[in-house]
């Protein structure tokens, strides 16, 4: 079980859905967090009753709508009353609007906002980290470099000193038809030169070369990733988002994800994600509190 020096305070925006409350209750009972639930307190109490969860495990804060609830939750973290902000039933776009507010939000000035998630998969022998399936539609070179650095930072928290980073494409062959090819070439040079530190990076690679050693042998491709990727970096949100959701739906994957580029951890999950995935997200956010 994760051991922490303190309980972190998690402020949850529009926090009345069953999976969020179930996950938060688990984290509270494990001694990881104190949970502040901002939303319709009548609905929160009703959900707690349905789940047989003791509502006194949480601090409840009444809010009349999802926008105000999100503003309040973000404000708590901004002011130091909480350490982590978490999305409940509110849509991601509305939630991130409050997080990204220049005056009242949690953005680090000049930083790239990006999302990194870890997937636990029955058919892969270690955690697989993916970026960016949630925030940046078509990242440019600078954003891709930030995405890689964020993912490497998170992976280091799991004791992996030199993760293997696969820059994912449709093929291992660079092509002018794919805009990412030039960026990937530059990133590999940056990794070799130490500008992107503490990793082994290669790309473009397809999923098979990134994650399946048998495919590497069959194709006869030499790659330092060698089918053992820790991190998959995708060229676009429209490629990475369906990929990770497909793994969760069809491969029974469980997820832990986090927004990076903010002053404090920001937990963003799909409203349909499982209780266990939301619990894993909370645990990951506790690891990343600075």
C-alpha atoms as a PDB file:
ATOM      1  CA  UNK A   1       0.000   0.000   0.000  1.00  0.00           C
ATOM      2  CA  UNK A   2       1.186   3.541  -0.749  1.00  0.00           C
ATOM      3  CA  UNK A   3       2.755   5.186   2.289  1.00  0.00           C
ATOM      4  CA  UNK A   4       2.645   8.969   2.575  1.00  0.00           C
ATOM      5  CA  UNK A   5       3.898  11.392   5.187  1.00  0.00           C
ATOM      6  CA  UNK A   6       0.542  13.170   5.375  1.00  0.00           C
ATOM      7  CA  UNK A   7      -3.041  13.052   4.228  1.00  0.00           C
ATOM      8  CA  UNK A   8      -3.561  15.284   1.222  1.00  0.00           C
ATOM      9  CA  UNK A   9      -6.710  17.372   0.890  1.00  0.00           C
ATOM     10  CA  UNK A  10      -8.658  16.764  -2.306  1.00  0.00           C
ATOM     11  CA  UNK A  11     -11.310  19.298  -3.413  1.00  0.00           C
ATOM     12  CA  UNK A  12     -13.790  17.658  -5.796  1.00  0.00           C
ATOM     13  CA  UNK A  13     -15.911  19.717  -8.196  1.00  0.00           C
ATOM     14  CA  UNK A  14     -19.586  18.699  -8.608  1.00  0.00           C
ATOM     15  CA  UNK A  15     -18.905  15.599  -6.575  1.00  0.00           C
ATOM     16  CA  UNK A  16     -22.113  13.579  -6.508  1.00  0.00           C
ATOM     17  CA  UNK A  17     -21.499  10.645  -8.867  1.00  0.00           C
ATOM     18  CA  UNK A  18     -21.213   7.114  -7.523  1.00  0.00           C
ATOM     19  CA  UNK A  19     -17.783   6.236  -8.932  1.00  0.00           C
ATOM     20  CA  UNK A  20     -16.137   9.407  -7.618  1.00  0.00           C
ATOM     21  CA  UNK A  21     -17.641   9.019  -4.150  1.00  0.00           C
ATOM     22  CA  UNK A  22     -16.718   5.326  -4.056  1.00  0.00           C
ATOM     23  CA  UNK A  23     -13.128   6.085  -5.067  1.00  0.00           C
ATOM     24  CA  UNK A  24     -12.799   8.964  -2.604  1.00  0.00           C
ATOM     25  CA  UNK A  25     -14.201   6.856   0.212  1.00  0.00           C
ATOM     26  CA  UNK A  26     -11.634   4.153  -0.528  1.00  0.00           C
ATOM     27  CA  UNK A  27      -8.798   6.696  -0.466  1.00  0.00           C
ATOM     28  CA  UNK A  28     -10.076   8.219   2.790  1.00  0.00           C
ATOM     29  CA  UNK A  29     -10.319   4.800   4.454  1.00  0.00           C
ATOM     30  CA  UNK A  30      -6.783   3.968   3.266  1.00  0.00           C
ATOM     31  CA  UNK A  31      -5.572   7.085   5.067  1.00  0.00           C
ATOM     32  CA  UNK A  32      -4.333   8.799   1.887  1.00  0.00           C
ATOM     33  CA  UNK A  33      -6.583  11.857   1.709  1.00  0.00           C
ATOM     34  CA  UNK A  34      -9.150  14.121   3.267  1.00  0.00           C
ATOM     35  CA  UNK A  35     -11.956  14.772   0.776  1.00  0.00           C
ATOM     36  CA  UNK A  36     -13.875  18.026   0.330  1.00  0.00           C
ATOM     37  CA  UNK A  37     -16.940  17.438  -1.844  1.00  0.00           C
ATOM     38  CA  UNK A  38     -18.274  20.594  -3.503  1.00  0.00           C
ATOM     39  CA  UNK A  39     -21.674  20.280  -5.119  1.00  0.00           C
ATOM     40  CA  UNK A  40     -25.321  19.518  -4.476  1.00  0.00           C
ATOM     41  CA  UNK A  41     -25.046  18.236  -0.918  1.00  0.00           C
ATOM     42  CA  UNK A  42     -28.505  16.609  -1.022  1.00  0.00           C
ATOM     43  CA  UNK A  43     -27.409  14.561  -4.048  1.00  0.00           C
ATOM     44  CA  UNK A  44     -24.087  13.758  -2.391  1.00  0.00           C
ATOM     45  CA  UNK A  45     -25.868  12.474   0.711  1.00  0.00           C
ATOM     46  CA  UNK A  46     -28.291  10.461  -1.443  1.00  0.00           C
ATOM     47  CA  UNK A  47     -25.392   8.859  -3.335  1.00  0.00           C
ATOM     48  CA  UNK A  48     -23.598   8.069  -0.092  1.00  0.00           C
ATOM     49  CA  UNK A  49     -26.728   6.359   1.178  1.00  0.00           C
ATOM     50  CA  UNK A  50     -27.037   4.289  -2.012  1.00  0.00           C
ATOM     51  CA  UNK A  51     -23.393   3.179  -1.649  1.00  0.00           C
ATOM     52  CA  UNK A  52     -23.647   2.656   2.126  1.00  0.00           C
ATOM     53  CA  UNK A  53     -20.863   5.199   2.538  1.00  0.00           C
ATOM     54  CA  UNK A  54     -20.644   7.239   5.737  1.00  0.00           C
ATOM     55  CA  UNK A  55     -21.063  10.864   4.595  1.00  0.00           C
ATOM     56  CA  UNK A  56     -19.133  12.052   7.656  1.00  0.00           C
ATOM     57  CA  UNK A  57     -15.997  10.681   5.970  1.00  0.00           C
ATOM     58  CA  UNK A  58     -16.155  13.834   3.814  1.00  0.00           C
ATOM     59  CA  UNK A  59     -16.438  17.579   4.235  1.00  0.00           C
ATOM     60  CA  UNK A  60     -19.477  18.706   2.231  1.00  0.00           C
ATOM     61  CA  UNK A  61     -19.682  22.163   0.658  1.00  0.00           C
ATOM     62  CA  UNK A  62     -22.953  23.286  -0.945  1.00  0.00           C
ATOM     63  CA  UNK A  63     -22.857  24.801  -4.443  1.00  0.00           C
ATOM     64  CA  UNK A  64     -25.821  25.595  -6.649  1.00  0.00           C
ATOM     65  CA  UNK A  65     -24.308  24.556 -10.005  1.00  0.00           C
ATOM     66  CA  UNK A  66     -21.325  22.837 -11.602  1.00  0.00           C
ATOM     67  CA  UNK A  67     -19.588  26.046 -12.688  1.00  0.00           C
ATOM     68  CA  UNK A  68     -19.636  27.551  -9.213  1.00  0.00           C
ATOM     69  CA  UNK A  69     -18.611  24.217  -7.707  1.00  0.00           C
ATOM     70  CA  UNK A  70     -15.571  24.050  -9.961  1.00  0.00           C
ATOM     71  CA  UNK A  71     -14.586  27.651  -9.218  1.00  0.00           C
ATOM     72  CA  UNK A  72     -14.831  26.934  -5.507  1.00  0.00           C
ATOM     73  CA  UNK A  73     -12.788  23.719  -5.729  1.00  0.00           C
ATOM     74  CA  UNK A  74     -10.045  25.403  -7.774  1.00  0.00           C
ATOM     75  CA  UNK A  75     -10.048  28.367  -5.387  1.00  0.00           C
ATOM     76  CA  UNK A  76      -9.506  26.044  -2.422  1.00  0.00           C
ATOM     77  CA  UNK A  77      -6.372  24.654  -4.039  1.00  0.00           C
ATOM     78  CA  UNK A  78      -5.184  28.088  -5.177  1.00  0.00           C
ATOM     79  CA  UNK A  79      -5.480  29.437  -1.626  1.00  0.00           C
ATOM     80  CA  UNK A  80      -3.833  26.417   0.002  1.00  0.00           C
ATOM     81  CA  UNK A  81      -6.991  25.081   1.659  1.00  0.00           C
ATOM     82  CA  UNK A  82      -6.619  21.946  -0.469  1.00  0.00           C
ATOM     83  CA  UNK A  83      -3.695  20.211  -2.190  1.00  0.00           C
ATOM     84  CA  UNK A  84      -5.411  18.578  -5.183  1.00  0.00           C
ATOM     85  CA  UNK A  85      -8.415  19.459  -7.333  1.00  0.00           C
ATOM     86  CA  UNK A  86     -10.487  16.685  -8.912  1.00  0.00           C
ATOM     87  CA  UNK A  87     -13.215  16.691 -11.544  1.00  0.00           C
ATOM     88  CA  UNK A  88     -16.561  15.140 -10.662  1.00  0.00           C
ATOM     89  CA  UNK A  89     -19.595  15.161 -12.957  1.00  0.00           C
ATOM     90  CA  UNK A  90     -18.754  18.405 -14.741  1.00  0.00           C
ATOM     91  CA  UNK A  91     -17.610  18.268 -18.379  1.00  0.00           C
ATOM     92  CA  UNK A  92     -13.857  18.405 -18.987  1.00  0.00           C
ATOM     93  CA  UNK A  93     -14.004  21.621 -21.045  1.00  0.00           C
ATOM     94  CA  UNK A  94     -15.820  23.521 -18.301  1.00  0.00           C
ATOM     95  CA  UNK A  95     -13.554  22.113 -15.613  1.00  0.00           C
ATOM     96  CA  UNK A  96     -10.343  23.003 -17.466  1.00  0.00           C
ATOM     97  CA  UNK A  97     -11.619  26.518 -18.170  1.00  0.00           C
ATOM     98  CA  UNK A  98     -11.512  27.173 -14.420  1.00  0.00           C
ATOM     99  CA  UNK A  99      -8.114  25.477 -14.044  1.00  0.00           C
ATOM    100  CA  UNK A 100      -6.657  27.560 -16.896  1.00  0.00           C
ATOM    101  CA  UNK A 101      -8.058  30.920 -15.767  1.00  0.00           C
ATOM    102  CA  UNK A 102      -5.094  33.327 -15.862  1.00  0.00           C
ATOM    103  CA  UNK A 103      -5.952  35.046 -12.599  1.00  0.00           C
ATOM    104  CA  UNK A 104      -7.804  32.463 -10.519  1.00  0.00           C
ATOM    105  CA  UNK A 105      -6.602  29.191 -12.051  1.00  0.00           C
ATOM    106  CA  UNK A 106      -3.694  26.855 -11.411  1.00  0.00           C
ATOM    107  CA  UNK A 107      -1.611  27.194 -14.585  1.00  0.00           C
ATOM    108  CA  UNK A 108       2.131  27.718 -14.166  1.00  0.00           C
ATOM    109  CA  UNK A 109       2.923  30.852 -16.228  1.00  0.00           C
ATOM    110  CA  UNK A 110       4.387  29.873 -19.590  1.00  0.00           C
ATOM    111  CA  UNK A 111       3.927  26.150 -18.997  1.00  0.00           C
ATOM    112  CA  UNK A 112       2.357  23.679 -21.406  1.00  0.00           C
ATOM    113  CA  UNK A 113      -0.835  22.083 -20.071  1.00  0.00           C
ATOM    114  CA  UNK A 114      -0.865  18.373 -20.879  1.00  0.00           C
ATOM    115  CA  UNK A 115      -2.267  15.041 -19.687  1.00  0.00           C
ATOM    116  CA  UNK A 116      -0.395  11.861 -18.811  1.00  0.00           C
ATOM    117  CA  UNK A 117      -2.094   8.611 -17.884  1.00  0.00           C
ATOM    118  CA  UNK A 118      -0.907   5.211 -16.717  1.00  0.00           C
ATOM    119  CA  UNK A 119      -2.735   2.066 -17.789  1.00  0.00           C
ATOM    120  CA  UNK A 120      -2.663  -1.287 -16.024  1.00  0.00           C
ATOM    121  CA  UNK A 121      -3.337  -3.929 -18.683  1.00  0.00           C
ATOM    122  CA  UNK A 122      -3.779  -7.693 -18.240  1.00  0.00           C
ATOM    123  CA  UNK A 123      -1.713  -8.396 -21.370  1.00  0.00           C
ATOM    124  CA  UNK A 124       1.227  -6.058 -20.672  1.00  0.00           C
ATOM    125  CA  UNK A 125       3.802  -6.909 -18.028  1.00  0.00           C
ATOM    126  CA  UNK A 126       4.183  -3.388 -16.633  1.00  0.00           C
ATOM    127  CA  UNK A 127       2.385  -0.072 -16.411  1.00  0.00           C
ATOM    128  CA  UNK A 128       2.022   1.717 -19.742  1.00  0.00           C
ATOM    129  CA  UNK A 129       2.070   5.524 -19.700  1.00  0.00           C
ATOM    130  CA  UNK A 130       0.338   7.485 -22.489  1.00  0.00           C
ATOM    131  CA  UNK A 131       0.407  11.142 -23.516  1.00  0.00           C
ATOM    132  CA  UNK A 132      -1.594  13.209 -24.490  1.00  0.00           C
ATOM    133  CA  UNK A 133      -5.133  11.767 -24.763  1.00  0.00           C
ATOM    134  CA  UNK A 134      -7.039  14.692 -23.274  1.00  0.00           C
ATOM    135  CA  UNK A 135      -5.736  18.241 -23.740  1.00  0.00           C
ATOM    136  CA  UNK A 136      -3.609  19.128 -26.816  1.00  0.00           C
ATOM    137  CA  UNK A 137      -5.315  18.392 -30.166  1.00  0.00           C
ATOM    138  CA  UNK A 138      -2.244  18.625 -32.427  1.00  0.00           C
ATOM    139  CA  UNK A 139       0.915  19.263 -30.375  1.00  0.00           C
ATOM    140  CA  UNK A 140       3.803  21.104 -32.006  1.00  0.00           C
ATOM    141  CA  UNK A 141       7.447  20.232 -31.322  1.00  0.00           C
ATOM    142  CA  UNK A 142       7.677  22.284 -28.143  1.00  0.00           C
ATOM    143  CA  UNK A 143       4.488  20.758 -26.783  1.00  0.00           C
ATOM    144  CA  UNK A 144       5.646  17.233 -27.650  1.00  0.00           C
ATOM    145  CA  UNK A 145       8.899  17.858 -25.766  1.00  0.00           C
ATOM    146  CA  UNK A 146       6.906  19.066 -22.736  1.00  0.00           C
ATOM    147  CA  UNK A 147       4.639  16.009 -22.988  1.00  0.00           C
ATOM    148  CA  UNK A 148       7.666  13.705 -22.969  1.00  0.00           C
ATOM    149  CA  UNK A 149       9.258  15.473 -19.999  1.00  0.00           C
ATOM    150  CA  UNK A 150       6.028  15.343 -17.972  1.00  0.00           C
ATOM    151  CA  UNK A 151       5.613  11.619 -18.650  1.00  0.00           C
ATOM    152  CA  UNK A 152       9.232  10.937 -17.704  1.00  0.00           C
ATOM    153  CA  UNK A 153       8.756  12.914 -14.463  1.00  0.00           C
ATOM    154  CA  UNK A 154       5.752  10.797 -13.505  1.00  0.00           C
ATOM    155  CA  UNK A 155       7.416   7.505 -14.454  1.00  0.00           C
ATOM    156  CA  UNK A 156      10.390   8.382 -12.225  1.00  0.00           C
ATOM    157  CA  UNK A 157       7.965   8.462  -9.278  1.00  0.00           C
ATOM    158  CA  UNK A 158       7.382   4.749  -9.929  1.00  0.00           C
ATOM    159  CA  UNK A 159      11.095   3.979  -9.606  1.00  0.00           C
ATOM    160  CA  UNK A 160      11.827   3.671 -13.335  1.00  0.00           C
ATOM    161  CA  UNK A 161      15.080   5.606 -13.696  1.00  0.00           C
ATOM    162  CA  UNK A 162      15.453   5.477 -17.490  1.00  0.00           C
ATOM    163  CA  UNK A 163      12.086   4.812 -19.137  1.00  0.00           C
ATOM    164  CA  UNK A 164      11.760   3.728 -22.743  1.00  0.00           C
ATOM    165  CA  UNK A 165       9.791   6.336 -24.695  1.00  0.00           C
ATOM    166  CA  UNK A 166       8.174   5.293 -27.985  1.00  0.00           C
ATOM    167  CA  UNK A 167       7.143   8.104 -30.340  1.00  0.00           C
ATOM    168  CA  UNK A 168       4.085   6.550 -31.937  1.00  0.00           C
ATOM    169  CA  UNK A 169       3.163   6.702 -35.614  1.00  0.00           C
ATOM    170  CA  UNK A 170       1.378   4.622 -38.221  1.00  0.00           C
ATOM    171  CA  UNK A 171       4.717   3.136 -39.308  1.00  0.00           C
ATOM    172  CA  UNK A 172       8.352   3.028 -38.265  1.00  0.00           C
ATOM    173  CA  UNK A 173       9.292   4.726 -41.525  1.00  0.00           C
ATOM    174  CA  UNK A 174       9.598   8.540 -41.472  1.00  0.00           C
ATOM    175  CA  UNK A 175       7.512  10.152 -44.191  1.00  0.00           C
ATOM    176  CA  UNK A 176       6.764  13.669 -45.366  1.00  0.00           C
ATOM    177  CA  UNK A 177       3.100  12.569 -45.459  1.00  0.00           C
ATOM    178  CA  UNK A 178       3.085  12.541 -41.636  1.00  0.00           C
ATOM    179  CA  UNK A 179       3.689  15.884 -39.955  1.00  0.00           C
ATOM    180  CA  UNK A 180       5.101  14.274 -36.832  1.00  0.00           C
ATOM    181  CA  UNK A 181       8.112  12.698 -38.612  1.00  0.00           C
ATOM    182  CA  UNK A 182      10.324  15.800 -38.470  1.00  0.00           C
ATOM    183  CA  UNK A 183       9.390  16.464 -34.826  1.00  0.00           C
ATOM    184  CA  UNK A 184      10.191  12.878 -33.845  1.00  0.00           C
ATOM    185  CA  UNK A 185      13.590  13.051 -35.534  1.00  0.00           C
ATOM    186  CA  UNK A 186      14.411  16.235 -33.630  1.00  0.00           C
ATOM    187  CA  UNK A 187      13.219  14.773 -30.321  1.00  0.00           C
ATOM    188  CA  UNK A 188      15.390  11.672 -30.710  1.00  0.00           C
ATOM    189  CA  UNK A 189      18.408  13.935 -31.266  1.00  0.00           C
ATOM    190  CA  UNK A 190      17.450  15.934 -28.164  1.00  0.00           C
ATOM    191  CA  UNK A 191      17.301  12.737 -26.113  1.00  0.00           C
ATOM    192  CA  UNK A 192      20.696  11.639 -27.428  1.00  0.00           C
ATOM    193  CA  UNK A 193      22.168  15.046 -26.536  1.00  0.00           C
ATOM    194  CA  UNK A 194      20.647  15.061 -23.050  1.00  0.00           C
ATOM    195  CA  UNK A 195      18.200  17.891 -23.758  1.00  0.00           C
ATOM    196  CA  UNK A 196      15.423  15.446 -22.922  1.00  0.00           C
ATOM    197  CA  UNK A 197      16.957  13.746 -19.906  1.00  0.00           C
ATOM    198  CA  UNK A 198      16.866  10.301 -18.318  1.00  0.00           C
ATOM    199  CA  UNK A 199      15.167   8.293 -21.028  1.00  0.00           C
ATOM    200  CA  UNK A 200      15.658   6.004 -23.995  1.00  0.00           C
ATOM    201  CA  UNK A 201      13.685   7.423 -26.929  1.00  0.00           C
ATOM    202  CA  UNK A 202      12.946   6.207 -30.439  1.00  0.00           C
ATOM    203  CA  UNK A 203      10.427   6.906 -33.165  1.00  0.00           C
ATOM    204  CA  UNK A 204       8.435   6.836 -35.197  1.00  0.00           C
ATOM    205  CA  UNK A 205       7.392   3.372 -34.031  1.00  0.00           C
ATOM    206  CA  UNK A 206       4.108   1.584 -34.498  1.00  0.00           C
ATOM    207  CA  UNK A 207       2.382   0.021 -31.499  1.00  0.00           C
ATOM    208  CA  UNK A 208       3.785  -3.442 -32.234  1.00  0.00           C
ATOM    209  CA  UNK A 209       7.412  -2.291 -32.271  1.00  0.00           C
ATOM    210  CA  UNK A 210       6.785  -0.207 -29.168  1.00  0.00           C
ATOM    211  CA  UNK A 211       5.131  -2.892 -27.057  1.00  0.00           C
ATOM    212  CA  UNK A 212       5.750  -6.360 -28.519  1.00  0.00           C
ATOM    213  CA  UNK A 213       9.237  -7.933 -28.600  1.00  0.00           C
ATOM    214  CA  UNK A 214       8.065 -10.692 -30.960  1.00  0.00           C
ATOM    215  CA  UNK A 215       7.093  -8.069 -33.533  1.00  0.00           C
ATOM    216  CA  UNK A 216      10.540  -6.481 -33.247  1.00  0.00           C
ATOM    217  CA  UNK A 217      12.130  -9.854 -34.010  1.00  0.00           C
ATOM    218  CA  UNK A 218       9.761 -10.652 -36.870  1.00  0.00           C
ATOM    219  CA  UNK A 219      10.231  -7.256 -38.552  1.00  0.00           C
ATOM    220  CA  UNK A 220      13.965  -7.253 -37.917  1.00  0.00           C
ATOM    221  CA  UNK A 221      13.877  -3.617 -36.865  1.00  0.00           C
ATOM    222  CA  UNK A 222      16.589  -2.387 -34.532  1.00  0.00           C
ATOM    223  CA  UNK A 223      15.155  -0.071 -31.901  1.00  0.00           C
ATOM    224  CA  UNK A 224      16.397   0.654 -28.367  1.00  0.00           C
ATOM    225  CA  UNK A 225      12.770   0.558 -27.178  1.00  0.00           C
ATOM    226  CA  UNK A 226      12.728  -3.125 -28.265  1.00  0.00           C
ATOM    227  CA  UNK A 227       9.028  -3.748 -27.662  1.00  0.00           C
ATOM    228  CA  UNK A 228       9.336  -2.742 -24.001  1.00  0.00           C
ATOM    229  CA  UNK A 229       7.972   0.805 -23.969  1.00  0.00           C
ATOM    230  CA  UNK A 230       7.160   2.485 -20.693  1.00  0.00           C
ATOM    231  CA  UNK A 231       5.779   5.619 -22.370  1.00  0.00           C
ATOM    232  CA  UNK A 232       3.825   6.045 -25.601  1.00  0.00           C
ATOM    233  CA  UNK A 233       3.792   9.590 -26.988  1.00  0.00           C
ATOM    234  CA  UNK A 234       1.123  10.116 -29.657  1.00  0.00           C
ATOM    235  CA  UNK A 235       1.114  12.759 -32.406  1.00  0.00           C
ATOM    236  CA  UNK A 236      -2.460  13.906 -31.748  1.00  0.00           C
ATOM    237  CA  UNK A 237      -5.351  13.723 -29.344  1.00  0.00           C
ATOM    238  CA  UNK A 238      -7.498  12.064 -32.005  1.00  0.00           C
ATOM    239  CA  UNK A 239      -5.048   9.157 -32.162  1.00  0.00           C
ATOM    240  CA  UNK A 240      -4.306   8.753 -28.458  1.00  0.00           C
ATOM    241  CA  UNK A 241      -7.802   9.272 -27.023  1.00  0.00           C
ATOM    242  CA  UNK A 242      -9.512   6.425 -28.941  1.00  0.00           C
ATOM    243  CA  UNK A 243      -6.472   4.216 -28.256  1.00  0.00           C
ATOM    244  CA  UNK A 244      -6.619   4.508 -24.484  1.00  0.00           C
ATOM    245  CA  UNK A 245     -10.408   4.348 -24.321  1.00  0.00           C
ATOM    246  CA  UNK A 246     -10.319   1.209 -26.474  1.00  0.00           C
ATOM    247  CA  UNK A 247      -7.853  -0.386 -24.058  1.00  0.00           C
ATOM    248  CA  UNK A 248     -10.122   0.423 -21.127  1.00  0.00           C
ATOM    249  CA  UNK A 249     -13.261  -0.880 -22.830  1.00  0.00           C
ATOM    250  CA  UNK A 250     -11.993  -3.950 -24.692  1.00  0.00           C
ATOM    251  CA  UNK A 251      -8.795  -4.882 -22.823  1.00  0.00           C
ATOM    252  CA  UNK A 252     -10.124  -4.245 -19.295  1.00  0.00           C
ATOM    253  CA  UNK A 253      -7.505  -1.615 -18.597  1.00  0.00           C
ATOM    254  CA  UNK A 254      -7.547   0.500 -15.453  1.00  0.00           C
ATOM    255  CA  UNK A 255      -6.302   4.069 -15.621  1.00  0.00           C
ATOM    256  CA  UNK A 256      -4.560   6.675 -13.484  1.00  0.00           C
ATOM    257  CA  UNK A 257      -4.208  10.087 -15.108  1.00  0.00           C
ATOM    258  CA  UNK A 258      -3.131  13.596 -14.244  1.00  0.00           C
ATOM    259  CA  UNK A 259      -2.929  17.064 -15.763  1.00  0.00           C
ATOM    260  CA  UNK A 260       0.630  18.424 -15.811  1.00  0.00           C
ATOM    261  CA  UNK A 261       1.805  22.028 -16.087  1.00  0.00           C
ATOM    262  CA  UNK A 262      -0.157  23.217 -13.050  1.00  0.00           C
ATOM    263  CA  UNK A 263       0.866  24.511  -9.629  1.00  0.00           C
ATOM    264  CA  UNK A 264      -0.876  21.598  -7.884  1.00  0.00           C
ATOM    265  CA  UNK A 265      -2.166  18.224  -9.137  1.00  0.00           C
ATOM    266  CA  UNK A 266      -5.325  18.335 -11.244  1.00  0.00           C
ATOM    267  CA  UNK A 267      -7.267  15.081 -11.568  1.00  0.00           C
ATOM    268  CA  UNK A 268      -9.330  14.831 -14.758  1.00  0.00           C
ATOM    269  CA  UNK A 269     -11.157  11.647 -15.719  1.00  0.00           C
ATOM    270  CA  UNK A 270     -13.985  10.763 -18.043  1.00  0.00           C
ATOM    271  CA  UNK A 271     -17.275  10.770 -16.152  1.00  0.00           C
ATOM    272  CA  UNK A 272     -17.764   7.126 -17.196  1.00  0.00           C
ATOM    273  CA  UNK A 273     -14.465   5.844 -15.800  1.00  0.00           C
ATOM    274  CA  UNK A 274     -14.610   3.110 -13.180  1.00  0.00           C
ATOM    275  CA  UNK A 275     -14.367   3.576  -9.446  1.00  0.00           C
ATOM    276  CA  UNK A 276     -11.012   1.795  -9.428  1.00  0.00           C
ATOM    277  CA  UNK A 277      -9.578   4.023 -12.162  1.00  0.00           C
ATOM    278  CA  UNK A 278     -10.692   7.106 -10.252  1.00  0.00           C
ATOM    279  CA  UNK A 279      -9.073   5.703  -7.121  1.00  0.00           C
ATOM    280  CA  UNK A 280      -5.822   5.140  -9.018  1.00  0.00           C
ATOM    281  CA  UNK A 281      -6.006   8.753 -10.251  1.00  0.00           C
ATOM    282  CA  UNK A 282      -6.282   9.973  -6.671  1.00  0.00           C
ATOM    283  CA  UNK A 283      -3.286   7.869  -5.612  1.00  0.00           C
ATOM    284  CA  UNK A 284      -1.213   9.194  -8.526  1.00  0.00           C
ATOM    285  CA  UNK A 285      -2.103  12.777  -7.627  1.00  0.00           C
ATOM    286  CA  UNK A 286      -0.867  12.182  -4.072  1.00  0.00           C
ATOM    287  CA  UNK A 287       2.492  11.007  -5.472  1.00  0.00           C
ATOM    288  CA  UNK A 288       2.815  14.212  -7.501  1.00  0.00           C
ATOM    289  CA  UNK A 289       2.080  16.800  -4.780  1.00  0.00           C
ATOM    290  CA  UNK A 290       5.123  19.060  -4.427  1.00  0.00           C
END
